[in-house]
Amino acid sequence: MCYASCVQALQALADPIRRELLALLATGERTAGELAAPFPVSRPAISRHLRVLRESGLVRVRSEGRERRYALEPAPLRQLDEWLEPYRDLWAQRLDALDTEIARGRRLTRNGESA
């Protein structure tokens, strides 16, 4: 389906700064300066992160006068979401089972029984 593009998107999303940049862009277009402001890293480092996001297709850029404006490109995220869909039920079942075991342990503890 989207194996190569999904892997590329996952690689880009592996970095916490890039994930945070995407979260900022989810609220609307921003300049590189606006994106760099909240981070304790250099602007060249932010530019490198933005390049990775652009190359993975997660971000698009357009020029407006002297500024470059960045925007979220949702298509790769949709592809990734579709690719992950078959695994959701598997994880939901396992998390439900874990929740049941945690609740069971709490009941036993309240009743003074050992697990």
PDB file of N, CA and C in Angstrom:
ATOM      1  N   MET A   1       0.839  -1.197   0.000  1.00  0.00           N
ATOM      2  CA  MET A   1       0.000   0.000   0.000  1.00  0.00           C
ATOM      3  C   MET A   1       0.878   1.253   0.000  1.00  0.00           C
ATOM      4  N   CYS A   2       1.389   1.631   1.159  1.00  0.00           N
ATOM      5  CA  CYS A   2       2.174   2.863   1.232  1.00  0.00           C
ATOM      6  C   CYS A   2       3.479   2.609   1.947  1.00  0.00           C
ATOM      7  N   TYR A   3       4.010   1.429   1.855  1.00  0.00           N
ATOM      8  CA  TYR A   3       5.120   1.037   2.714  1.00  0.00           C
ATOM      9  C   TYR A   3       6.254   2.055   2.726  1.00  0.00           C
ATOM     10  N   ALA A   4       6.776   2.418   1.583  1.00  0.00           N
ATOM     11  CA  ALA A   4       7.940   3.314   1.535  1.00  0.00           C
ATOM     12  C   ALA A   4       7.607   4.680   2.109  1.00  0.00           C
ATOM     13  N   SER A   5       6.477   5.247   1.716  1.00  0.00           N
ATOM     14  CA  SER A   5       6.123   6.576   2.216  1.00  0.00           C
ATOM     15  C   SER A   5       5.782   6.523   3.704  1.00  0.00           C
ATOM     16  N   CYS A   6       5.190   5.435   4.170  1.00  0.00           N
ATOM     17  CA  CYS A   6       4.880   5.301   5.598  1.00  0.00           C
ATOM     18  C   CYS A   6       6.157   5.190   6.424  1.00  0.00           C
ATOM     19  N   VAL A   7       7.115   4.427   5.924  1.00  0.00           N
ATOM     20  CA  VAL A   7       8.386   4.294   6.632  1.00  0.00           C
ATOM     21  C   VAL A   7       9.086   5.641   6.689  1.00  0.00           C
ATOM     22  N   GLN A   8       9.060   6.373   5.586  1.00  0.00           N
ATOM     23  CA  GLN A   8       9.689   7.692   5.555  1.00  0.00           C
ATOM     24  C   GLN A   8       9.006   8.637   6.551  1.00  0.00           C
ATOM     25  N   ALA A   9       7.683   8.598   6.614  1.00  0.00           N
ATOM     26  CA  ALA A   9       6.956   9.437   7.567  1.00  0.00           C
ATOM     27  C   ALA A   9       7.286   9.029   9.002  1.00  0.00           C
ATOM     28  N   LEU A  10       7.354   7.733   9.261  1.00  0.00           N
ATOM     29  CA  LEU A  10       7.694   7.265  10.603  1.00  0.00           C
ATOM     30  C   LEU A  10       9.103   7.691  11.006  1.00  0.00           C
ATOM     31  N   GLN A  11      10.029   7.629  10.077  1.00  0.00           N
ATOM     32  CA  GLN A  11      11.395   8.065  10.368  1.00  0.00           C
ATOM     33  C   GLN A  11      11.416   9.553  10.720  1.00  0.00           C
ATOM     34  N   ALA A  12      10.650  10.346   9.984  1.00  0.00           N
ATOM     35  CA  ALA A  12      10.590  11.779  10.273  1.00  0.00           C
ATOM     36  C   ALA A  12       9.948  12.040  11.624  1.00  0.00           C
ATOM     37  N   LEU A  13       8.938  11.247  11.960  1.00  0.00           N
ATOM     38  CA  LEU A  13       8.211  11.430  13.227  1.00  0.00           C
ATOM     39  C   LEU A  13       8.963  10.879  14.432  1.00  0.00           C
ATOM     40  N   ALA A  14      10.054  10.186  14.197  1.00  0.00           N
ATOM     41  CA  ALA A  14      10.807   9.583  15.305  1.00  0.00           C
ATOM     42  C   ALA A  14      11.434  10.640  16.207  1.00  0.00           C
ATOM     43  N   ASP A  15      11.669  11.817  15.702  1.00  0.00           N
ATOM     44  CA  ASP A  15      12.315  12.864  16.492  1.00  0.00           C
ATOM     45  C   ASP A  15      11.267  13.713  17.219  1.00  0.00           C
ATOM     46  N   PRO A  16      11.430  13.934  18.527  1.00  0.00           N
ATOM     47  CA  PRO A  16      10.429  14.698  19.284  1.00  0.00           C
ATOM     48  C   PRO A  16      10.302  16.158  18.834  1.00  0.00           C
ATOM     49  N   ILE A  17      11.372  16.754  18.369  1.00  0.00           N
ATOM     50  CA  ILE A  17      11.269  18.143  17.891  1.00  0.00           C
ATOM     51  C   ILE A  17      10.428  18.190  16.628  1.00  0.00           C
ATOM     52  N   ARG A  18      10.610  17.229  15.732  1.00  0.00           N
ATOM     53  CA  ARG A  18       9.802  17.208  14.514  1.00  0.00           C
ATOM     54  C   ARG A  18       8.336  16.958  14.829  1.00  0.00           C
ATOM     55  N   ARG A  19       8.068  16.101  15.811  1.00  0.00           N
ATOM     56  CA  ARG A  19       6.666  15.889  16.203  1.00  0.00           C
ATOM     57  C   ARG A  19       6.064  17.187  16.749  1.00  0.00           C
ATOM     58  N   GLU A  20       6.848  17.908  17.511  1.00  0.00           N
ATOM     59  CA  GLU A  20       6.379  19.173  18.079  1.00  0.00           C
ATOM     60  C   GLU A  20       6.170  20.223  16.978  1.00  0.00           C
ATOM     61  N   LEU A  21       7.053  20.230  15.992  1.00  0.00           N
ATOM     62  CA  LEU A  21       6.874  21.138  14.855  1.00  0.00           C
ATOM     63  C   LEU A  21       5.568  20.841  14.122  1.00  0.00           C
ATOM     64  N   LEU A  22       5.275  19.562  13.928  1.00  0.00           N
ATOM     65  CA  LEU A  22       4.008  19.194  13.279  1.00  0.00           C
ATOM     66  C   LEU A  22       2.820  19.626  14.110  1.00  0.00           C
ATOM     67  N   ALA A  23       2.925  19.501  15.435  1.00  0.00           N
ATOM     68  CA  ALA A  23       1.833  19.936  16.307  1.00  0.00           C
ATOM     69  C   ALA A  23       1.604  21.440  16.155  1.00  0.00           C
ATOM     70  N   LEU A  24       2.674  22.205  16.058  1.00  0.00           N
ATOM     71  CA  LEU A  24       2.530  23.648  15.846  1.00  0.00           C
ATOM     72  C   LEU A  24       1.883  23.939  14.494  1.00  0.00           C
ATOM     73  N   LEU A  25       2.298  23.198  13.477  1.00  0.00           N
ATOM     74  CA  LEU A  25       1.748  23.416  12.141  1.00  0.00           C
ATOM     75  C   LEU A  25       0.301  22.947  12.019  1.00  0.00           C
ATOM     76  N   ALA A  26      -0.120  22.075  12.905  1.00  0.00           N
ATOM     77  CA  ALA A  26      -1.516  21.618  12.876  1.00  0.00           C
ATOM     78  C   ALA A  26      -2.473  22.773  13.177  1.00  0.00           C
ATOM     79  N   THR A  27      -1.971  23.831  13.800  1.00  0.00           N
ATOM     80  CA  THR A  27      -2.815  24.988  14.107  1.00  0.00           C
ATOM     81  C   THR A  27      -2.806  26.017  12.993  1.00  0.00           C
ATOM     82  N   GLY A  28      -1.956  25.831  11.979  1.00  0.00           N
ATOM     83  CA  GLY A  28      -1.930  26.747  10.835  1.00  0.00           C
ATOM     84  C   GLY A  28      -0.522  27.013  10.356  1.00  0.00           C
ATOM     85  N   GLU A  29      -0.436  27.724   9.247  1.00  0.00           N
ATOM     86  CA  GLU A  29       0.849  28.066   8.643  1.00  0.00           C
ATOM     87  C   GLU A  29       1.700  28.900   9.598  1.00  0.00           C
ATOM     88  N   ARG A  30       3.007  28.712   9.482  1.00  0.00           N
ATOM     89  CA  ARG A  30       3.950  29.489  10.301  1.00  0.00           C
ATOM     90  C   ARG A  30       5.239  29.700   9.526  1.00  0.00           C
ATOM     91  N   THR A  31       5.949  30.764   9.894  1.00  0.00           N
ATOM     92  CA  THR A  31       7.270  30.995   9.326  1.00  0.00           C
ATOM     93  C   THR A  31       8.283  30.169  10.101  1.00  0.00           C
ATOM     94  N   ALA A  32       9.482  30.040   9.545  1.00  0.00           N
ATOM     95  CA  ALA A  32      10.538  29.297  10.233  1.00  0.00           C
ATOM     96  C   ALA A  32      10.863  29.947  11.570  1.00  0.00           C
ATOM     97  N   GLY A  33      10.864  31.267  11.611  1.00  0.00           N
ATOM     98  CA  GLY A  33      11.131  31.979  12.866  1.00  0.00           C
ATOM     99  C   GLY A  33      10.085  31.692  13.918  1.00  0.00           C
ATOM    100  N   GLU A  34       8.829  31.680  13.511  1.00  0.00           N
ATOM    101  CA  GLU A  34       7.745  31.366  14.455  1.00  0.00           C
ATOM    102  C   GLU A  34       7.873  29.932  14.962  1.00  0.00           C
ATOM    103  N   LEU A  35       8.282  29.042  14.074  1.00  0.00           N
ATOM    104  CA  LEU A  35       8.439  27.641  14.474  1.00  0.00           C
ATOM    105  C   LEU A  35       9.643  27.457  15.392  1.00  0.00           C
ATOM    106  N   ALA A  36      10.699  28.222  15.164  1.00  0.00           N
ATOM    107  CA  ALA A  36      11.925  28.059  15.948  1.00  0.00           C
ATOM    108  C   ALA A  36      11.798  28.644  17.351  1.00  0.00           C
ATOM    109  N   ALA A  37      10.962  29.660  17.523  1.00  0.00           N
ATOM    110  CA  ALA A  37      10.900  30.410  18.785  1.00  0.00           C
ATOM    111  C   ALA A  37      10.748  29.544  20.039  1.00  0.00           C
ATOM    112  N   PRO A  38       9.874  28.547  20.085  1.00  0.00           N
ATOM    113  CA  PRO A  38       9.692  27.798  21.335  1.00  0.00           C
ATOM    114  C   PRO A  38      10.790  26.785  21.669  1.00  0.00           C
ATOM    115  N   PHE A  39      11.748  26.594  20.765  1.00  0.00           N
ATOM    116  CA  PHE A  39      12.724  25.523  20.951  1.00  0.00           C
ATOM    117  C   PHE A  39      14.080  26.055  21.412  1.00  0.00           C
ATOM    118  N   PRO A  40      14.740  25.289  22.289  1.00  0.00           N
ATOM    119  CA  PRO A  40      16.061  25.701  22.773  1.00  0.00           C
ATOM    120  C   PRO A  40      17.202  25.238  21.859  1.00  0.00           C
ATOM    121  N   VAL A  41      16.929  25.149  20.562  1.00  0.00           N
ATOM    122  CA  VAL A  41      17.954  24.746  19.602  1.00  0.00           C
ATOM    123  C   VAL A  41      18.136  25.872  18.588  1.00  0.00           C
ATOM    124  N   SER A  42      19.211  25.815  17.831  1.00  0.00           N
ATOM    125  CA  SER A  42      19.520  26.875  16.874  1.00  0.00           C
ATOM    126  C   SER A  42      18.535  26.871  15.705  1.00  0.00           C
ATOM    127  N   ARG A  43      18.460  28.005  15.042  1.00  0.00           N
ATOM    128  CA  ARG A  43      17.607  28.085  13.851  1.00  0.00           C
ATOM    129  C   ARG A  43      18.101  27.154  12.739  1.00  0.00           C
ATOM    130  N   PRO A  44      19.421  27.022  12.553  1.00  0.00           N
ATOM    131  CA  PRO A  44      19.860  26.043  11.550  1.00  0.00           C
ATOM    132  C   PRO A  44      19.393  24.621  11.883  1.00  0.00           C
ATOM    133  N   ALA A  45      19.339  24.277  13.164  1.00  0.00           N
ATOM    134  CA  ALA A  45      18.847  22.949  13.547  1.00  0.00           C
ATOM    135  C   ALA A  45      17.365  22.813  13.193  1.00  0.00           C
ATOM    136  N   ILE A  46      16.589  23.861  13.447  1.00  0.00           N
ATOM    137  CA  ILE A  46      15.165  23.840  13.088  1.00  0.00           C
ATOM    138  C   ILE A  46      15.027  23.729  11.571  1.00  0.00           C
ATOM    139  N   SER A  47      15.874  24.426  10.833  1.00  0.00           N
ATOM    140  CA  SER A  47      15.835  24.334   9.363  1.00  0.00           C
ATOM    141  C   SER A  47      16.104  22.910   8.896  1.00  0.00           C
ATOM    142  N   ARG A  48      17.027  22.233   9.550  1.00  0.00           N
ATOM    143  CA  ARG A  48      17.303  20.827   9.187  1.00  0.00           C
ATOM    144  C   ARG A  48      16.091  19.946   9.488  1.00  0.00           C
ATOM    145  N   HIS A  49      15.454  20.181  10.625  1.00  0.00           N
ATOM    146  CA  HIS A  49      14.243  19.414  10.953  1.00  0.00           C
ATOM    147  C   HIS A  49      13.142  19.679   9.923  1.00  0.00           C
ATOM    148  N   LEU A  50      12.982  20.930   9.539  1.00  0.00           N
ATOM    149  CA  LEU A  50      11.967  21.269   8.543  1.00  0.00           C
ATOM    150  C   LEU A  50      12.282  20.631   7.197  1.00  0.00           C
ATOM    151  N   ARG A  51      13.563  20.546   6.844  1.00  0.00           N
ATOM    152  CA  ARG A  51      13.951  19.890   5.593  1.00  0.00           C
ATOM    153  C   ARG A  51      13.552  18.413   5.625  1.00  0.00           C
ATOM    154  N   VAL A  52      13.802  17.742   6.738  1.00  0.00           N
ATOM    155  CA  VAL A  52      13.423  16.325   6.868  1.00  0.00           C
ATOM    156  C   VAL A  52      11.910  16.180   6.715  1.00  0.00           C
ATOM    157  N   LEU A  53      11.160  17.066   7.350  1.00  0.00           N
ATOM    158  CA  LEU A  53       9.696  17.011   7.264  1.00  0.00           C
ATOM    159  C   LEU A  53       9.226  17.281   5.825  1.00  0.00           C
ATOM    160  N   ARG A  54       9.866  18.220   5.146  1.00  0.00           N
ATOM    161  CA  ARG A  54       9.525  18.498   3.738  1.00  0.00           C
ATOM    162  C   ARG A  54       9.827  17.291   2.867  1.00  0.00           C
ATOM    163  N   GLU A  55      11.020  16.720   3.041  1.00  0.00           N
ATOM    164  CA  GLU A  55      11.424  15.582   2.207  1.00  0.00           C
ATOM    165  C   GLU A  55      10.550  14.352   2.436  1.00  0.00           C
ATOM    166  N   SER A  56       9.989  14.237   3.626  1.00  0.00           N
ATOM    167  CA  SER A  56       9.098  13.106   3.900  1.00  0.00           C
ATOM    168  C   SER A  56       7.669  13.391   3.447  1.00  0.00           C
ATOM    169  N   GLY A  57       7.415  14.621   2.990  1.00  0.00           N
ATOM    170  CA  GLY A  57       6.087  14.976   2.497  1.00  0.00           C
ATOM    171  C   GLY A  57       5.128  15.438   3.577  1.00  0.00           C
ATOM    172  N   LEU A  58       5.594  15.531   4.822  1.00  0.00           N
ATOM    173  CA  LEU A  58       4.710  15.924   5.924  1.00  0.00           C
ATOM    174  C   LEU A  58       4.477  17.428   6.008  1.00  0.00           C
ATOM    175  N   VAL A  59       5.343  18.199   5.362  1.00  0.00           N
ATOM    176  CA  VAL A  59       5.265  19.657   5.411  1.00  0.00           C
ATOM    177  C   VAL A  59       5.451  20.198   4.005  1.00  0.00           C
ATOM    178  N   ARG A  60       4.709  21.245   3.686  1.00  0.00           N
ATOM    179  CA  ARG A  60       4.927  21.947   2.423  1.00  0.00           C
ATOM    180  C   ARG A  60       5.342  23.380   2.752  1.00  0.00           C
ATOM    181  N   VAL A  61       6.023  23.999   1.821  1.00  0.00           N
ATOM    182  CA  VAL A  61       6.521  25.357   2.043  1.00  0.00           C
ATOM    183  C   VAL A  61       6.153  26.210   0.840  1.00  0.00           C
ATOM    184  N   ARG A  62       5.868  27.481   1.103  1.00  0.00           N
ATOM    185  CA  ARG A  62       5.619  28.427   0.015  1.00  0.00           C
ATOM    186  C   ARG A  62       6.281  29.743   0.376  1.00  0.00           C
ATOM    187  N   SER A  63       6.698  30.450  -0.631  1.00  0.00           N
ATOM    188  CA  SER A  63       7.336  31.744  -0.414  1.00  0.00           C
ATOM    189  C   SER A  63       6.287  32.835  -0.444  1.00  0.00           C
ATOM    190  N   GLU A  64       6.430  33.750   0.481  1.00  0.00           N
ATOM    191  CA  GLU A  64       5.557  34.925   0.538  1.00  0.00           C
ATOM    192  C   GLU A  64       6.462  36.127   0.798  1.00  0.00           C
ATOM    193  N   GLY A  65       6.815  36.810  -0.266  1.00  0.00           N
ATOM    194  CA  GLY A  65       7.799  37.888  -0.133  1.00  0.00           C
ATOM    195  C   GLY A  65       9.143  37.292   0.245  1.00  0.00           C
ATOM    196  N   ARG A  66       9.728  37.803   1.337  1.00  0.00           N
ATOM    197  CA  ARG A  66      11.015  37.280   1.800  1.00  0.00           C
ATOM    198  C   ARG A  66      10.847  36.098   2.742  1.00  0.00           C
ATOM    199  N   GLU A  67       9.631  35.814   3.125  1.00  0.00           N
ATOM    200  CA  GLU A  67       9.386  34.731   4.102  1.00  0.00           C
ATOM    201  C   GLU A  67       9.049  33.429   3.408  1.00  0.00           C
ATOM    202  N   ARG A  68       9.387  32.376   4.100  1.00  0.00           N
ATOM    203  CA  ARG A  68       8.951  31.038   3.698  1.00  0.00           C
ATOM    204  C   ARG A  68       7.936  30.597   4.738  1.00  0.00           C
ATOM    205  N   ARG A  69       6.751  30.220   4.286  1.00  0.00           N
ATOM    206  CA  ARG A  69       5.682  29.806   5.194  1.00  0.00           C
ATOM    207  C   ARG A  69       5.510  28.293   5.086  1.00  0.00           C
ATOM    208  N   TYR A  70       5.485  27.653   6.234  1.00  0.00           N
ATOM    209  CA  TYR A  70       5.380  26.199   6.317  1.00  0.00           C
ATOM    210  C   TYR A  70       3.964  25.810   6.718  1.00  0.00           C
ATOM    211  N   ALA A  71       3.492  24.711   6.162  1.00  0.00           N
ATOM    212  CA  ALA A  71       2.155  24.205   6.474  1.00  0.00           C
ATOM    213  C   ALA A  71       2.200  22.682   6.554  1.00  0.00           C
ATOM    214  N   LEU A  72       1.328  22.138   7.358  1.00  0.00           N
ATOM    215  CA  LEU A  72       1.197  20.692   7.502  1.00  0.00           C
ATOM    216  C   LEU A  72       0.599  20.115   6.229  1.00  0.00           C
ATOM    217  N   GLU A  73       1.139  19.013   5.782  1.00  0.00           N
ATOM    218  CA  GLU A  73       0.585  18.266   4.647  1.00  0.00           C
ATOM    219  C   GLU A  73      -0.015  16.985   5.215  1.00  0.00           C
ATOM    220  N   PRO A  74      -1.339  16.897   5.318  1.00  0.00           N
ATOM    221  CA  PRO A  74      -1.958  15.769   6.026  1.00  0.00           C
ATOM    222  C   PRO A  74      -1.969  14.436   5.278  1.00  0.00           C
ATOM    223  N   ALA A  75      -1.748  14.420   3.976  1.00  0.00           N
ATOM    224  CA  ALA A  75      -1.869  13.176   3.202  1.00  0.00           C
ATOM    225  C   ALA A  75      -0.980  12.050   3.737  1.00  0.00           C
ATOM    226  N   PRO A  76       0.309  12.281   4.024  1.00  0.00           N
ATOM    227  CA  PRO A  76       1.121  11.174   4.551  1.00  0.00           C
ATOM    228  C   PRO A  76       0.624  10.671   5.906  1.00  0.00           C
ATOM    229  N   LEU A  77       0.073  11.554   6.711  1.00  0.00           N
ATOM    230  CA  LEU A  77      -0.474  11.116   8.005  1.00  0.00           C
ATOM    231  C   LEU A  77      -1.708  10.245   7.806  1.00  0.00           C
ATOM    232  N   ARG A  78      -2.522  10.592   6.810  1.00  0.00           N
ATOM    233  CA  ARG A  78      -3.696   9.762   6.501  1.00  0.00           C
ATOM    234  C   ARG A  78      -3.259   8.387   6.022  1.00  0.00           C
ATOM    235  N   GLN A  79      -2.235   8.349   5.152  1.00  0.00           N
ATOM    236  CA  GLN A  79      -1.723   7.060   4.661  1.00  0.00           C
ATOM    237  C   GLN A  79      -1.194   6.221   5.825  1.00  0.00           C
ATOM    238  N   LEU A  80      -0.471   6.858   6.715  1.00  0.00           N
ATOM    239  CA  LEU A  80       0.069   6.159   7.878  1.00  0.00           C
ATOM    240  C   LEU A  80      -1.059   5.633   8.758  1.00  0.00           C
ATOM    241  N   ASP A  81      -2.088   6.437   8.945  1.00  0.00           N
ATOM    242  CA  ASP A  81      -3.251   6.025   9.737  1.00  0.00           C
ATOM    243  C   ASP A  81      -3.928   4.803   9.112  1.00  0.00           C
ATOM    244  N   GLU A  82      -4.085   4.821   7.791  1.00  0.00           N
ATOM    245  CA  GLU A  82      -4.697   3.679   7.096  1.00  0.00           C
ATOM    246  C   GLU A  82      -3.821   2.436   7.222  1.00  0.00           C
ATOM    247  N   TRP A  83      -2.514   2.616   7.145  1.00  0.00           N
ATOM    248  CA  TRP A  83      -1.590   1.481   7.250  1.00  0.00           C
ATOM    249  C   TRP A  83      -1.636   0.875   8.644  1.00  0.00           C
ATOM    250  N   LEU A  84      -1.828   1.691   9.669  1.00  0.00           N
ATOM    251  CA  LEU A  84      -1.854   1.210  11.049  1.00  0.00           C
ATOM    252  C   LEU A  84      -3.203   0.624  11.470  1.00  0.00           C
ATOM    253  N   GLU A  85      -4.239   0.888  10.716  1.00  0.00           N
ATOM    254  CA  GLU A  85      -5.592   0.472  11.084  1.00  0.00           C
ATOM    255  C   GLU A  85      -5.712  -1.012  11.470  1.00  0.00           C
ATOM    256  N   PRO A  86      -5.144  -1.943  10.716  1.00  0.00           N
ATOM    257  CA  PRO A  86      -5.297  -3.355  11.084  1.00  0.00           C
ATOM    258  C   PRO A  86      -4.715  -3.703  12.454  1.00  0.00           C
ATOM    259  N   TYR A  87      -3.797  -2.904  12.936  1.00  0.00           N
ATOM    260  CA  TYR A  87      -3.155  -3.194  14.217  1.00  0.00           C
ATOM    261  C   TYR A  87      -3.923  -2.621  15.406  1.00  0.00           C
ATOM    262  N   ARG A  88      -4.862  -1.734  15.155  1.00  0.00           N
ATOM    263  CA  ARG A  88      -5.609  -1.105  16.252  1.00  0.00           C
ATOM    264  C   ARG A  88      -6.409  -2.121  17.062  1.00  0.00           C
ATOM    265  N   ASP A  89      -7.093  -3.018  16.388  1.00  0.00           N
ATOM    266  CA  ASP A  89      -7.887  -4.022  17.103  1.00  0.00           C
ATOM    267  C   ASP A  89      -6.997  -4.900  17.975  1.00  0.00           C
ATOM    268  N   LEU A  90      -5.852  -5.288  17.432  1.00  0.00           N
ATOM    269  CA  LEU A  90      -4.914  -6.100  18.196  1.00  0.00           C
ATOM    270  C   LEU A  90      -4.521  -5.382  19.485  1.00  0.00           C
ATOM    271  N   TRP A  91      -4.127  -4.114  19.374  1.00  0.00           N
ATOM    272  CA  TRP A  91      -3.711  -3.366  20.559  1.00  0.00           C
ATOM    273  C   TRP A  91      -4.883  -3.074  21.475  1.00  0.00           C
ATOM    274  N   ALA A  92      -6.054  -2.809  20.920  1.00  0.00           N
ATOM    275  CA  ALA A  92      -7.225  -2.547  21.748  1.00  0.00           C
ATOM    276  C   ALA A  92      -7.547  -3.767  22.611  1.00  0.00           C
ATOM    277  N   GLN A  93      -7.479  -4.957  22.009  1.00  0.00           N
ATOM    278  CA  GLN A  93      -7.745  -6.180  22.769  1.00  0.00           C
ATOM    279  C   GLN A  93      -6.720  -6.364  23.881  1.00  0.00           C
ATOM    280  N   ARG A  94      -5.466  -6.128  23.590  1.00  0.00           N
ATOM    281  CA  ARG A  94      -4.418  -6.304  24.599  1.00  0.00           C
ATOM    282  C   ARG A  94      -4.529  -5.265  25.701  1.00  0.00           C
ATOM    283  N   LEU A  95      -4.864  -4.046  25.344  1.00  0.00           N
ATOM    284  CA  LEU A  95      -5.025  -3.010  26.361  1.00  0.00           C
ATOM    285  C   LEU A  95      -6.261  -3.269  27.224  1.00  0.00           C
ATOM    286  N   ASP A  96      -7.326  -3.792  26.610  1.00  0.00           N
ATOM    287  CA  ASP A  96      -8.505  -4.168  27.390  1.00  0.00           C
ATOM    288  C   ASP A  96      -8.161  -5.264  28.392  1.00  0.00           C
ATOM    289  N   ALA A  97      -7.377  -6.256  27.949  1.00  0.00           N
ATOM    290  CA  ALA A  97      -6.965  -7.337  28.846  1.00  0.00           C
ATOM    291  C   ALA A  97      -6.097  -6.799  29.976  1.00  0.00           C
ATOM    292  N   LEU A  98      -5.200  -5.885  29.673  1.00  0.00           N
ATOM    293  CA  LEU A  98      -4.362  -5.270  30.702  1.00  0.00           C
ATOM    294  C   LEU A  98      -5.226  -4.503  31.696  1.00  0.00           C
ATOM    295  N   ASP A  99      -6.190  -3.746  31.200  1.00  0.00           N
ATOM    296  CA  ASP A  99      -7.101  -2.999  32.071  1.00  0.00           C
ATOM    297  C   ASP A  99      -7.857  -3.938  33.000  1.00  0.00           C
ATOM    298  N   THR A 100      -8.303  -5.073  32.468  1.00  0.00           N
ATOM    299  CA  THR A 100      -9.008  -6.070  33.286  1.00  0.00           C
ATOM    300  C   THR A 100      -8.104  -6.601  34.393  1.00  0.00           C
ATOM    301  N   GLU A 101      -6.851  -6.910  34.051  1.00  0.00           N
ATOM    302  CA  GLU A 101      -5.909  -7.424  35.052  1.00  0.00           C
ATOM    303  C   GLU A 101      -5.588  -6.368  36.114  1.00  0.00           C
ATOM    304  N   ILE A 102      -5.453  -5.126  35.721  1.00  0.00           N
ATOM    305  CA  ILE A 102      -5.192  -4.056  36.693  1.00  0.00           C
ATOM    306  C   ILE A 102      -6.369  -3.911  37.638  1.00  0.00           C
ATOM    307  N   ALA A 103      -7.578  -3.914  37.093  1.00  0.00           N
ATOM    308  CA  ALA A 103      -8.778  -3.807  37.928  1.00  0.00           C
ATOM    309  C   ALA A 103      -8.879  -5.007  38.873  1.00  0.00           C
ATOM    310  N   ARG A 104      -8.554  -6.195  38.375  1.00  0.00           N
ATOM    311  CA  ARG A 104      -8.578  -7.398  39.213  1.00  0.00           C
ATOM    312  C   ARG A 104      -7.584  -7.260  40.368  1.00  0.00           C
ATOM    313  N   GLY A 105      -6.382  -6.780  40.069  1.00  0.00           N
ATOM    314  CA  GLY A 105      -5.371  -6.584  41.102  1.00  0.00           C
ATOM    315  C   GLY A 105      -5.815  -5.576  42.152  1.00  0.00           C
ATOM    316  N   ARG A 106      -6.481  -4.522  41.728  1.00  0.00           N
ATOM    317  CA  ARG A 106      -6.978  -3.519  42.674  1.00  0.00           C
ATOM    318  C   ARG A 106      -8.055  -4.117  43.585  1.00  0.00           C
ATOM    319  N   ARG A 107      -8.942  -4.918  42.990  1.00  0.00           N
ATOM    320  CA  ARG A 107      -9.997  -5.555  43.796  1.00  0.00           C
ATOM    321  C   ARG A 107      -9.395  -6.473  44.842  1.00  0.00           C
ATOM    322  N   LEU A 108      -8.408  -7.271  44.405  1.00  0.00           N
ATOM    323  CA  LEU A 108      -7.764  -8.203  45.336  1.00  0.00           C
ATOM    324  C   LEU A 108      -7.060  -7.445  46.458  1.00  0.00           C
ATOM    325  N   THR A 109      -6.403  -6.352  46.138  1.00  0.00           N
ATOM    326  CA  THR A 109      -5.702  -5.540  47.139  1.00  0.00           C
ATOM    327  C   THR A 109      -6.688  -4.944  48.132  1.00  0.00           C
ATOM    328  N   ARG A 110      -7.806  -4.441  47.627  1.00  0.00           N
ATOM    329  CA  ARG A 110      -8.835  -3.862  48.522  1.00  0.00           C
ATOM    330  C   ARG A 110      -9.415  -4.915  49.460  1.00  0.00           C
ATOM    331  N   ASN A 111      -9.550  -6.127  48.965  1.00  0.00           N
ATOM    332  CA  ASN A 111     -10.125  -7.205  49.760  1.00  0.00           C
ATOM    333  C   ASN A 111      -9.100  -7.906  50.640  1.00  0.00           C
ATOM    334  N   GLY A 112      -7.841  -7.446  50.570  1.00  0.00           N
ATOM    335  CA  GLY A 112      -6.797  -8.030  51.399  1.00  0.00           C
ATOM    336  C   GLY A 112      -6.297  -9.370  50.904  1.00  0.00           C
ATOM    337  N   GLU A 113      -6.601  -9.711  49.665  1.00  0.00           N
ATOM    338  CA  GLU A 113      -6.139 -10.990  49.106  1.00  0.00           C
ATOM    339  C   GLU A 113      -4.824 -10.756  48.373  1.00  0.00           C
ATOM    340  N   SER A 114      -4.049 -11.800  48.160  1.00  0.00           N
ATOM    341  CA  SER A 114      -2.830 -11.667  47.376  1.00  0.00           C
ATOM    342  C   SER A 114      -3.120 -12.067  45.935  1.00  0.00           C
ATOM    343  N   ALA A 115      -2.391 -11.456  45.016  1.00  0.00           N
ATOM    344  CA  ALA A 115      -2.628 -11.698  43.609  1.00  0.00           C
ATOM    345  C   ALA A 115      -2.062 -12.968  43.121  1.00  0.00           C
TER     346      ALA A 115
END
